[in-house]
Amino acid sequence: MQKNQFYRTLSGDTWDGVAFKTLGSEMLKDTLMKANPRHLHYYIFPAGVVLDVPAVEIPATTDLPPWRKS
C-alpha cells in the first residue's frame, strides 16, 4: 500500500486537472475531493494550496485491444 502524497496547486488548477496530473485520470476528481473536504469551496485554485493526494488502486484490466496484448 502506498502512503498519501501531497500536491501544491498552481494558479488556475482545477479539481479535474489536479486529478489528471496526480492520479492519472480526471475521472478520479471525486476521490481527490473527498480527501480534501476543507478545500471544496475552490473551483479554480490559487497558487500554493496543499492538497492531500490519496493512494488509489488502479484495477488491472483484461479487456485490452488486440494490438496491446502480448
N, C-alpha and C. Protein backbone atom coordinates (compact mmCIF):
# COMPACT_ATOMS: atom_id res chain seq x y z
N MET A 1 0.84 -1.19 0.00
CA MET A 1 0.00 0.00 0.00
C MET A 1 0.88 1.25 0.00
N GLN A 2 0.53 2.18 -0.83
CA GLN A 2 1.28 3.42 -0.92
C GLN A 2 0.77 4.40 0.14
N LYS A 3 1.65 5.27 0.60
CA LYS A 3 1.19 6.31 1.52
C LYS A 3 0.75 7.52 0.70
N ASN A 4 -0.09 8.32 1.32
CA ASN A 4 -0.61 9.51 0.65
C ASN A 4 0.51 10.48 0.32
N GLN A 5 0.31 11.21 -0.75
CA GLN A 5 1.25 12.23 -1.17
C GLN A 5 0.53 13.57 -1.17
N PHE A 6 1.25 14.60 -1.50
CA PHE A 6 0.68 15.95 -1.50
C PHE A 6 0.97 16.64 -2.82
N TYR A 7 0.11 17.60 -3.15
CA TYR A 7 0.28 18.39 -4.35
C TYR A 7 0.05 19.85 -3.98
N ARG A 8 0.95 20.71 -4.38
CA ARG A 8 0.80 22.15 -4.16
C ARG A 8 0.28 22.76 -5.46
N THR A 9 -0.89 23.38 -5.38
CA THR A 9 -1.55 23.88 -6.58
C THR A 9 -0.80 25.04 -7.24
N LEU A 10 -1.01 25.13 -8.53
CA LEU A 10 -0.56 26.26 -9.32
C LEU A 10 -1.79 27.13 -9.57
N SER A 11 -1.60 28.40 -9.76
CA SER A 11 -2.72 29.29 -10.04
C SER A 11 -3.45 28.81 -11.29
N GLY A 12 -4.76 28.61 -11.16
CA GLY A 12 -5.56 28.16 -12.29
C GLY A 12 -5.85 26.67 -12.29
N ASP A 13 -5.23 25.90 -11.40
CA ASP A 13 -5.53 24.47 -11.31
C ASP A 13 -7.01 24.27 -10.99
N THR A 14 -7.57 23.17 -11.49
CA THR A 14 -8.94 22.77 -11.18
C THR A 14 -8.90 21.35 -10.62
N TRP A 15 -10.01 20.92 -10.03
CA TRP A 15 -10.06 19.57 -9.44
C TRP A 15 -9.76 18.49 -10.47
N ASP A 16 -10.38 18.58 -11.63
CA ASP A 16 -10.15 17.54 -12.62
C ASP A 16 -8.74 17.59 -13.18
N GLY A 17 -8.19 18.77 -13.31
CA GLY A 17 -6.81 18.89 -13.78
C GLY A 17 -5.81 18.33 -12.79
N VAL A 18 -6.03 18.59 -11.51
CA VAL A 18 -5.14 18.05 -10.48
C VAL A 18 -5.28 16.54 -10.41
N ALA A 19 -6.50 16.03 -10.54
CA ALA A 19 -6.71 14.58 -10.54
C ALA A 19 -5.95 13.94 -11.70
N PHE A 20 -6.00 14.56 -12.86
CA PHE A 20 -5.28 14.03 -14.02
C PHE A 20 -3.77 14.06 -13.78
N LYS A 21 -3.25 15.16 -13.26
CA LYS A 21 -1.81 15.30 -13.02
C LYS A 21 -1.31 14.31 -11.98
N THR A 22 -2.09 14.12 -10.92
CA THR A 22 -1.60 13.34 -9.77
C THR A 22 -2.05 11.89 -9.75
N LEU A 23 -3.25 11.63 -10.27
CA LEU A 23 -3.81 10.28 -10.20
C LEU A 23 -3.93 9.61 -11.56
N GLY A 24 -3.68 10.39 -12.63
CA GLY A 24 -3.68 9.81 -13.95
C GLY A 24 -5.01 9.83 -14.68
N SER A 25 -6.06 10.34 -14.03
CA SER A 25 -7.37 10.40 -14.68
C SER A 25 -8.21 11.49 -14.05
N GLU A 26 -8.82 12.31 -14.89
CA GLU A 26 -9.72 13.34 -14.38
C GLU A 26 -10.98 12.72 -13.78
N MET A 27 -11.25 11.45 -14.10
CA MET A 27 -12.41 10.75 -13.56
C MET A 27 -12.26 10.49 -12.06
N LEU A 28 -11.06 10.66 -11.52
CA LEU A 28 -10.82 10.44 -10.09
C LEU A 28 -10.91 11.73 -9.29
N LYS A 29 -11.49 12.78 -9.87
CA LYS A 29 -11.61 14.06 -9.15
C LYS A 29 -12.45 13.90 -7.89
N ASP A 30 -13.48 13.04 -7.91
CA ASP A 30 -14.31 12.83 -6.71
C ASP A 30 -13.48 12.25 -5.58
N THR A 31 -12.59 11.33 -5.90
CA THR A 31 -11.69 10.74 -4.89
C THR A 31 -10.80 11.82 -4.30
N LEU A 32 -10.27 12.68 -5.14
CA LEU A 32 -9.42 13.78 -4.69
C LEU A 32 -10.21 14.75 -3.82
N MET A 33 -11.43 15.06 -4.23
CA MET A 33 -12.27 16.00 -3.48
C MET A 33 -12.64 15.43 -2.10
N LYS A 34 -12.94 14.14 -2.04
CA LYS A 34 -13.27 13.50 -0.75
C LYS A 34 -12.09 13.54 0.21
N ALA A 35 -10.89 13.50 -0.32
CA ALA A 35 -9.68 13.53 0.51
C ALA A 35 -9.35 14.95 0.99
N ASN A 36 -10.02 15.97 0.42
CA ASN A 36 -9.71 17.37 0.73
C ASN A 36 -10.98 18.19 0.98
N PRO A 37 -11.81 17.78 1.94
CA PRO A 37 -13.09 18.47 2.15
C PRO A 37 -12.96 19.94 2.52
N ARG A 38 -11.88 20.33 3.13
CA ARG A 38 -11.75 21.74 3.54
C ARG A 38 -11.48 22.68 2.37
N HIS A 39 -11.20 22.13 1.20
CA HIS A 39 -10.92 22.96 0.02
C HIS A 39 -12.03 22.89 -1.03
N LEU A 40 -13.18 22.35 -0.67
CA LEU A 40 -14.26 22.19 -1.63
C LEU A 40 -14.84 23.51 -2.13
N HIS A 41 -14.55 24.59 -1.44
CA HIS A 41 -15.06 25.89 -1.90
C HIS A 41 -14.32 26.41 -3.14
N TYR A 42 -13.22 25.77 -3.50
CA TYR A 42 -12.48 26.18 -4.70
C TYR A 42 -13.01 25.43 -5.91
N TYR A 43 -13.17 26.15 -7.00
CA TYR A 43 -13.37 25.53 -8.30
C TYR A 43 -12.08 25.72 -9.11
N ILE A 44 -11.55 26.93 -9.06
CA ILE A 44 -10.25 27.24 -9.65
C ILE A 44 -9.34 27.64 -8.50
N PHE A 45 -8.24 26.93 -8.36
CA PHE A 45 -7.34 27.13 -7.23
C PHE A 45 -6.39 28.31 -7.42
N PRO A 46 -6.09 28.99 -6.33
CA PRO A 46 -4.96 29.93 -6.35
C PRO A 46 -3.68 29.10 -6.19
N ALA A 47 -2.55 29.72 -6.34
CA ALA A 47 -1.28 29.03 -6.15
C ALA A 47 -1.06 28.75 -4.67
N GLY A 48 -0.46 27.60 -4.38
CA GLY A 48 0.01 27.30 -3.04
C GLY A 48 -0.91 26.53 -2.13
N VAL A 49 -2.08 26.10 -2.59
CA VAL A 49 -2.96 25.28 -1.75
C VAL A 49 -2.39 23.85 -1.75
N VAL A 50 -2.20 23.29 -0.57
CA VAL A 50 -1.63 21.95 -0.46
C VAL A 50 -2.78 20.95 -0.36
N LEU A 51 -2.84 20.05 -1.33
CA LEU A 51 -3.88 19.03 -1.37
C LEU A 51 -3.30 17.67 -1.02
N ASP A 52 -4.07 16.89 -0.29
CA ASP A 52 -3.72 15.51 0.01
C ASP A 52 -4.10 14.68 -1.21
N VAL A 53 -3.16 13.91 -1.73
CA VAL A 53 -3.42 13.05 -2.88
C VAL A 53 -3.46 11.61 -2.37
N PRO A 54 -4.66 11.03 -2.30
CA PRO A 54 -4.76 9.68 -1.74
C PRO A 54 -4.17 8.63 -2.66
N ALA A 55 -3.71 7.56 -2.06
CA ALA A 55 -3.24 6.43 -2.86
C ALA A 55 -4.46 5.73 -3.41
N VAL A 56 -4.46 5.46 -4.68
CA VAL A 56 -5.58 4.75 -5.30
C VAL A 56 -5.06 3.49 -5.97
N GLU A 57 -5.88 2.47 -5.93
CA GLU A 57 -5.52 1.24 -6.58
C GLU A 57 -6.15 1.24 -7.95
N ILE A 58 -5.34 1.10 -8.96
CA ILE A 58 -5.83 1.08 -10.33
C ILE A 58 -6.09 -0.38 -10.69
N PRO A 59 -7.35 -0.71 -10.99
CA PRO A 59 -7.66 -2.11 -11.28
C PRO A 59 -6.95 -2.61 -12.54
N ALA A 60 -6.52 -3.85 -12.47
CA ALA A 60 -5.90 -4.46 -13.65
C ALA A 60 -6.99 -4.70 -14.68
N THR A 61 -6.67 -4.39 -15.88
CA THR A 61 -7.67 -4.53 -16.94
C THR A 61 -7.32 -5.73 -17.81
N THR A 62 -8.30 -6.51 -18.14
CA THR A 62 -8.07 -7.67 -19.00
C THR A 62 -8.67 -7.44 -20.38
N ASP A 63 -9.36 -6.35 -20.56
CA ASP A 63 -10.00 -6.05 -21.83
C ASP A 63 -9.12 -5.17 -22.71
N LEU A 64 -7.94 -5.66 -22.99
CA LEU A 64 -7.01 -4.91 -23.84
C LEU A 64 -7.35 -5.13 -25.30
N PRO A 65 -7.15 -4.12 -26.12
CA PRO A 65 -7.34 -4.33 -27.56
C PRO A 65 -6.29 -5.30 -28.08
N PRO A 66 -6.55 -5.97 -29.19
CA PRO A 66 -5.63 -6.99 -29.70
C PRO A 66 -4.18 -6.52 -29.89
N TRP A 67 -4.00 -5.28 -30.30
CA TRP A 67 -2.64 -4.79 -30.54
C TRP A 67 -1.86 -4.52 -29.25
N ARG A 68 -2.56 -4.52 -28.11
CA ARG A 68 -1.88 -4.30 -26.84
C ARG A 68 -1.59 -5.60 -26.11
N LYS A 69 -2.19 -6.71 -26.54
CA LYS A 69 -1.97 -7.99 -25.87
C LYS A 69 -0.62 -8.55 -26.27
N SER A 70 0.04 -9.18 -25.30
CA SER A 70 1.36 -9.76 -25.58
C SER A 70 1.23 -11.17 -26.09
